Every structure is written in structure tokens, then in C-alpha cells.
Amino acid sequence: MLEPETLGVMIPIVALLIPIVAILTRHQRSMAELIHGSHHAQQNQAAAAEIQALRAEMASLRESVNTMIVQRDGLPTSGLNPQLGNTPPAYPTEAVRNTDQA
């Protein structure tokens, strides 16, 4: 068994180690949150940029499809079919439905 003198010295040492361990653990947790938080922010920013690029590409493809539909139908680029309005249809399915009705 431990001698009383040794036990008397170890009790204050252990009592002082508990808050030190708690402080170190809290610091480690906060540092991990900072590291992972910045990593997720970079991923979100990259995903947002990629989504924006995909939207721009989709707009370009829609414009190309609309131009091809107008050229295929032989409609002039100005003064389109009055039933369709002044702009080409937004989607190819609308153009197909409108040509089926005519």
C-alpha cells in the first residue's frame, strides 16, 4: 500500500491534472472544429462554382437547341410564329407540341 506521505503528495498532483486535461481536450476539440469547418467551406465554395458552370452550360445548350428548332422549322429569326410569341420556345418539347397543333 502507499505510504501516507506519498498519498499526501499525489492527491494535490492528481487534483491539478484534472483541469489541465480538460483544458487540453477542449482546445483539441476547438482546433478540430476549425480545421474541419474550413475544409467544408472550401468544398461548398467549389461545389457552388461547379453548379454555376453547369447552369451556364445548360443555358448555352438550351439556346443551341432553340436555334436548331427555329432553323429546322424554317421560321425567320425575327417575327416568329405569333402563337409562340416573340421568343423561341423554352424547351424542345414545347416546340414539338406546337408544331403538332399546326
Protein backbone atom coordinates (compact mmCIF):
# COMPACT_ATOMS: atom_id res chain seq x y z
CA MET A 1 0.00 0.00 0.00
CA LEU A 2 1.07 3.60 -0.44
CA GLU A 3 2.62 5.38 2.42
CA PRO A 4 0.68 8.36 3.84
CA GLU A 5 3.39 10.82 2.76
CA THR A 6 3.26 9.60 -0.85
CA LEU A 7 -0.53 9.67 -0.87
CA GLY A 8 -0.49 13.20 0.54
CA VAL A 9 1.70 14.39 -2.34
CA MET A 10 -0.22 12.53 -5.09
CA ILE A 11 -3.68 13.85 -4.18
CA PRO A 12 -2.86 17.52 -4.99
CA ILE A 13 -0.99 16.48 -8.15
CA VAL A 14 -3.99 14.48 -9.43
CA ALA A 15 -6.32 17.32 -8.44
CA LEU A 16 -4.27 19.72 -10.58
CA LEU A 17 -4.03 17.32 -13.54
CA ILE A 18 -7.82 17.05 -13.99
CA PRO A 19 -8.37 20.70 -15.09
CA ILE A 20 -5.24 20.62 -17.25
CA VAL A 21 -6.54 17.57 -19.12
CA ALA A 22 -9.95 19.26 -19.52
CA ILE A 23 -8.35 22.41 -20.95
CA LEU A 24 -6.22 20.42 -23.39
CA THR A 25 -9.19 18.34 -24.52
CA ARG A 26 -11.33 21.45 -25.11
CA HIS A 27 -8.51 23.06 -27.09
CA GLN A 28 -8.06 19.94 -29.22
CA ARG A 29 -11.81 19.82 -29.94
CA SER A 30 -11.94 23.50 -30.96
CA MET A 31 -8.93 23.08 -33.26
CA ALA A 32 -10.53 20.06 -34.92
CA GLU A 33 -13.73 22.07 -35.49
CA LEU A 34 -11.74 24.89 -37.08
CA ILE A 35 -9.87 22.53 -39.38
CA HIS A 36 -12.97 20.63 -40.48
CA GLY A 37 -15.04 23.80 -40.77
CA SER A 38 -12.61 25.44 -43.19
CA HIS A 39 -12.40 22.22 -45.19
CA HIS A 40 -16.19 22.09 -45.58
CA ALA A 41 -16.30 25.77 -46.54
CA GLN A 42 -13.79 25.12 -49.34
CA GLN A 43 -15.84 22.15 -50.57
CA ASN A 44 -19.04 24.21 -50.53
CA GLN A 45 -17.37 27.02 -52.45
CA ALA A 46 -16.05 24.59 -55.07
CA ALA A 47 -19.48 22.97 -55.40
CA ALA A 48 -21.14 26.37 -55.85
CA ALA A 49 -18.68 27.27 -58.61
CA GLU A 50 -19.30 23.95 -60.34
CA ILE A 51 -23.08 24.40 -60.12
CA GLN A 52 -22.78 27.88 -61.63
CA ALA A 53 -20.68 26.49 -64.51
CA LEU A 54 -23.25 23.75 -65.12
CA ARG A 55 -26.08 26.29 -65.18
CA ALA A 56 -24.19 28.39 -67.73
CA GLU A 57 -23.61 25.30 -69.85
CA MET A 58 -27.31 24.35 -69.65
CA ALA A 59 -28.32 27.86 -70.75
CA SER A 60 -25.94 27.61 -73.70
CA LEU A 61 -27.31 24.20 -74.67
CA ARG A 62 -30.91 25.43 -74.44
CA GLU A 63 -30.06 28.37 -76.68
CA SER A 64 -28.43 26.00 -79.20
CA VAL A 65 -31.44 23.68 -79.18
CA ASN A 66 -33.82 26.60 -79.64
CA THR A 67 -31.75 27.90 -82.55
CA MET A 68 -31.77 24.44 -84.18
CA ILE A 69 -35.53 24.16 -83.77
CA VAL A 70 -36.07 27.53 -85.40
CA GLN A 71 -33.76 26.62 -88.26
CA ARG A 72 -35.38 23.21 -88.74
CA ASP A 73 -38.86 24.67 -88.83
CA GLY A 74 -37.75 27.27 -91.36
CA LEU A 75 -39.12 30.13 -89.28
CA PRO A 76 -37.47 33.51 -89.69
CA THR A 77 -35.41 34.63 -86.71
CA SER A 78 -37.44 37.82 -86.36
CA GLY A 79 -41.20 37.74 -86.18
CA LEU A 80 -41.61 34.16 -85.07
CA ASN A 81 -44.87 32.30 -85.14
CA PRO A 82 -47.44 34.58 -83.46
CA GLN A 83 -48.81 31.63 -81.45
CA LEU A 84 -45.41 31.14 -79.85
CA GLY A 85 -44.72 34.80 -79.09
CA ASN A 86 -41.57 36.74 -79.87
CA THR A 87 -39.13 34.21 -78.46
CA PRO A 88 -38.39 30.62 -79.33
CA PRO A 89 -39.88 28.00 -77.00
CA ALA A 90 -38.00 27.36 -73.77
CA TYR A 91 -37.85 23.57 -74.23
CA PRO A 92 -37.84 21.34 -77.31
CA THR A 93 -40.99 19.53 -76.10
CA GLU A 94 -42.93 22.78 -76.40
CA ALA A 95 -41.76 23.18 -79.96
CA VAL A 96 -42.83 19.64 -80.82
CA ARG A 97 -46.27 20.16 -79.25
CA ASN A 98 -46.73 23.47 -81.09
CA THR A 99 -45.78 22.00 -84.48
CA ASP A 100 -48.17 19.08 -83.92
CA GLN A 101 -51.05 21.50 -83.39
CA ALA A 102 -50.39 23.44 -86.60
